[in-house]
C-alpha cells in the first residue's frame, strides 16, 4: 500500500500547517480532515522513487556485433 503525504489547511493566519503521512489503499478516498486535529487537509503530491540505470541494457549486450 502506498504512503500518502497530507498537509493541514490552517484556519488562523500565521498558524503553521501540520504535515503527516498515512498509509492507504489506492482505492481509498483522499482524507478530508486530519485524524489527529480535525482540521481540513490537502494531499501533497510527491515524486516516486524509480531507479534509472545508465549504460548498456541486457538486451543490447546479447546482440551480435556486426563487423
N, C-alpha and C. Protein backbone atom coordinates (compact mmCIF):
# COMPACT_ATOMS: atom_id res chain seq x y z
N UNK A 1 0.84 -1.18 0.00
CA UNK A 1 0.00 0.00 0.00
C UNK A 1 0.89 1.25 0.00
N UNK A 2 0.51 2.24 -0.79
CA UNK A 2 1.31 3.47 -0.84
C UNK A 2 1.12 4.33 0.41
N UNK A 3 2.09 5.17 0.63
CA UNK A 3 2.03 6.13 1.74
C UNK A 3 1.77 7.51 1.13
N UNK A 4 0.73 8.17 1.60
CA UNK A 4 0.36 9.49 1.10
C UNK A 4 0.73 10.56 2.11
N UNK A 5 1.15 11.72 1.61
CA UNK A 5 1.51 12.85 2.45
C UNK A 5 0.37 13.87 2.41
N UNK A 6 -0.03 14.33 3.58
CA UNK A 6 -1.10 15.33 3.70
C UNK A 6 -0.58 16.54 4.46
N UNK A 7 -1.24 17.68 4.24
CA UNK A 7 -0.90 18.91 4.94
C UNK A 7 -2.20 19.57 5.39
N UNK A 8 -2.23 19.99 6.65
CA UNK A 8 -3.43 20.65 7.16
C UNK A 8 -3.54 22.05 6.56
N UNK A 9 -4.76 22.53 6.45
CA UNK A 9 -5.04 23.88 5.98
C UNK A 9 -5.39 24.70 7.22
N UNK A 10 -4.47 25.57 7.66
CA UNK A 10 -4.70 26.33 8.90
C UNK A 10 -5.91 27.26 8.77
N UNK A 11 -6.64 27.40 9.87
CA UNK A 11 -7.81 28.29 9.89
C UNK A 11 -7.41 29.71 10.26
N UNK A 12 -6.36 29.85 11.07
CA UNK A 12 -5.92 31.18 11.52
C UNK A 12 -4.69 31.61 10.76
N UNK A 13 -4.59 32.90 10.48
CA UNK A 13 -3.44 33.44 9.79
C UNK A 13 -2.21 33.31 10.69
N UNK A 14 -1.08 32.88 10.12
CA UNK A 14 0.14 32.71 10.89
C UNK A 14 0.30 31.34 11.52
N UNK A 15 -0.76 30.54 11.50
CA UNK A 15 -0.69 29.20 12.07
C UNK A 15 0.05 28.28 11.08
N UNK A 16 0.98 27.48 11.59
CA UNK A 16 1.76 26.61 10.72
C UNK A 16 0.97 25.34 10.39
N UNK A 17 1.04 24.91 9.12
CA UNK A 17 0.36 23.66 8.76
C UNK A 17 1.12 22.46 9.30
N UNK A 18 0.40 21.40 9.59
CA UNK A 18 0.99 20.15 10.05
C UNK A 18 1.08 19.20 8.87
N UNK A 19 2.24 18.63 8.64
CA UNK A 19 2.45 17.67 7.56
C UNK A 19 2.54 16.28 8.18
N UNK A 20 1.79 15.33 7.60
CA UNK A 20 1.83 13.96 8.12
C UNK A 20 1.65 12.97 6.97
N UNK A 21 2.07 11.74 7.21
CA UNK A 21 1.96 10.67 6.22
C UNK A 21 1.02 9.60 6.75
N UNK A 22 0.30 8.99 5.82
CA UNK A 22 -0.62 7.92 6.20
C UNK A 22 -0.63 6.86 5.10
N UNK A 23 -0.69 5.60 5.50
CA UNK A 23 -0.72 4.51 4.54
C UNK A 23 -2.17 4.21 4.19
N UNK A 24 -2.48 4.24 2.89
CA UNK A 24 -3.85 4.00 2.42
C UNK A 24 -3.80 3.13 1.17
N UNK A 25 -4.91 2.48 0.89
CA UNK A 25 -5.06 1.77 -0.38
C UNK A 25 -5.25 2.80 -1.48
N UNK A 26 -4.87 2.44 -2.70
CA UNK A 26 -5.06 3.36 -3.82
C UNK A 26 -6.54 3.60 -4.09
N UNK A 27 -7.37 2.64 -3.74
CA UNK A 27 -8.81 2.76 -3.97
C UNK A 27 -9.51 3.59 -2.89
N UNK A 28 -8.83 3.87 -1.77
CA UNK A 28 -9.43 4.69 -0.70
C UNK A 28 -9.56 6.14 -1.14
N UNK A 29 -10.58 6.80 -0.67
CA UNK A 29 -10.75 8.22 -0.95
C UNK A 29 -9.72 9.03 -0.16
N UNK A 30 -9.35 10.19 -0.70
CA UNK A 30 -8.41 11.07 -0.01
C UNK A 30 -9.06 11.58 1.28
N UNK A 31 -8.22 11.78 2.31
CA UNK A 31 -8.73 12.31 3.58
C UNK A 31 -9.24 13.72 3.40
N UNK A 32 -10.24 14.09 4.17
CA UNK A 32 -10.77 15.46 4.15
C UNK A 32 -10.39 16.20 5.43
N UNK A 33 -10.17 15.42 6.52
CA UNK A 33 -9.80 16.01 7.81
C UNK A 33 -8.62 15.26 8.41
N UNK A 34 -7.83 15.98 9.16
CA UNK A 34 -6.70 15.39 9.89
C UNK A 34 -7.27 14.53 11.02
N UNK A 35 -6.89 13.25 11.07
CA UNK A 35 -7.43 12.39 12.13
C UNK A 35 -7.01 12.83 13.53
N UNK A 36 -5.91 13.56 13.65
CA UNK A 36 -5.41 13.99 14.96
C UNK A 36 -6.04 15.31 15.42
N UNK A 37 -6.14 16.30 14.51
CA UNK A 37 -6.60 17.63 14.91
C UNK A 37 -8.00 17.97 14.41
N UNK A 38 -8.47 17.28 13.37
CA UNK A 38 -9.78 17.57 12.82
C UNK A 38 -9.78 18.72 11.81
N UNK A 39 -8.60 19.31 11.56
CA UNK A 39 -8.50 20.40 10.58
C UNK A 39 -8.64 19.85 9.16
N UNK A 40 -9.13 20.67 8.22
CA UNK A 40 -9.19 20.21 6.83
C UNK A 40 -7.77 19.99 6.28
N UNK A 41 -7.63 19.04 5.36
CA UNK A 41 -6.32 18.71 4.80
C UNK A 41 -6.36 18.69 3.28
N UNK A 42 -5.15 18.77 2.69
CA UNK A 42 -4.99 18.56 1.26
C UNK A 42 -3.86 17.56 1.07
N UNK A 43 -3.97 16.76 0.00
CA UNK A 43 -2.95 15.76 -0.29
C UNK A 43 -1.80 16.44 -1.03
N UNK A 44 -0.58 16.13 -0.61
CA UNK A 44 0.62 16.70 -1.23
C UNK A 44 1.14 15.68 -2.24
N UNK A 45 1.40 16.14 -3.45
CA UNK A 45 1.95 15.26 -4.49
C UNK A 45 3.47 15.22 -4.33
N UNK A 46 4.01 14.02 -4.19
CA UNK A 46 5.46 13.86 -4.06
C UNK A 46 5.96 12.95 -5.18
N UNK A 47 7.25 13.02 -5.46
CA UNK A 47 7.84 12.20 -6.52
C UNK A 47 8.00 10.77 -6.09
N UNK A 48 8.06 9.89 -7.07
CA UNK A 48 8.27 8.48 -6.81
C UNK A 48 9.74 8.18 -6.62
N UNK A 49 10.06 6.94 -6.43
CA UNK A 49 11.45 6.54 -6.24
C UNK A 49 11.83 5.48 -7.26
N UNK A 50 11.71 5.82 -8.53
CA UNK A 50 12.06 4.89 -9.59
C UNK A 50 13.56 4.84 -9.79
N UNK A 51 14.08 3.69 -10.20
CA UNK A 51 15.51 3.53 -10.44
C UNK A 51 15.81 3.79 -11.92
N UNK A 52 16.84 4.57 -12.18
CA UNK A 52 17.27 4.86 -13.54
C UNK A 52 18.69 4.36 -13.68
N UNK A 53 18.89 3.47 -14.65
CA UNK A 53 20.20 2.89 -14.86
C UNK A 53 20.77 3.41 -16.17
N UNK A 54 22.06 3.68 -16.19
CA UNK A 54 22.72 4.12 -17.41
C UNK A 54 23.56 3.01 -18.00
N UNK A 55 24.00 3.20 -19.22
CA UNK A 55 24.86 2.20 -19.84
C UNK A 55 24.08 1.24 -20.70
N UNK A 56 24.74 0.13 -21.07
CA UNK A 56 24.12 -0.86 -21.93
C UNK A 56 23.05 -1.65 -21.20
N UNK A 57 22.00 -1.97 -21.93
CA UNK A 57 20.96 -2.81 -21.35
C UNK A 57 21.33 -4.26 -21.56
N UNK A 58 20.64 -5.15 -20.90
CA UNK A 58 20.89 -6.58 -21.05
C UNK A 58 20.60 -6.99 -22.49
N UNK A 59 19.57 -6.42 -23.09
CA UNK A 59 19.21 -6.76 -24.47
C UNK A 59 20.31 -6.32 -25.43
N UNK A 60 20.92 -5.17 -25.21
CA UNK A 60 21.98 -4.67 -26.08
C UNK A 60 23.22 -5.55 -25.98
N UNK A 61 23.49 -6.10 -24.83
CA UNK A 61 24.68 -6.94 -24.65
C UNK A 61 24.51 -8.30 -25.33
N UNK A 62 23.28 -8.73 -25.59
CA UNK A 62 23.04 -10.02 -26.21
C UNK A 62 23.06 -9.96 -27.74
N UNK A 63 23.14 -8.79 -28.33
CA UNK A 63 23.14 -8.66 -29.78
C UNK A 63 24.49 -9.08 -30.36
N UNK A 64 24.42 -9.63 -31.56
CA UNK A 64 25.64 -9.99 -32.28
C UNK A 64 26.20 -8.72 -32.90
N UNK A 65 27.48 -8.46 -32.67
CA UNK A 65 28.11 -7.27 -33.21
C UNK A 65 28.45 -7.46 -34.67
N UNK A 66 28.09 -6.48 -35.50
CA UNK A 66 28.40 -6.52 -36.93
C UNK A 66 29.79 -5.93 -37.15
N UNK A 67 30.55 -6.54 -38.07
CA UNK A 67 31.90 -6.03 -38.36
C UNK A 67 31.95 -5.41 -39.71
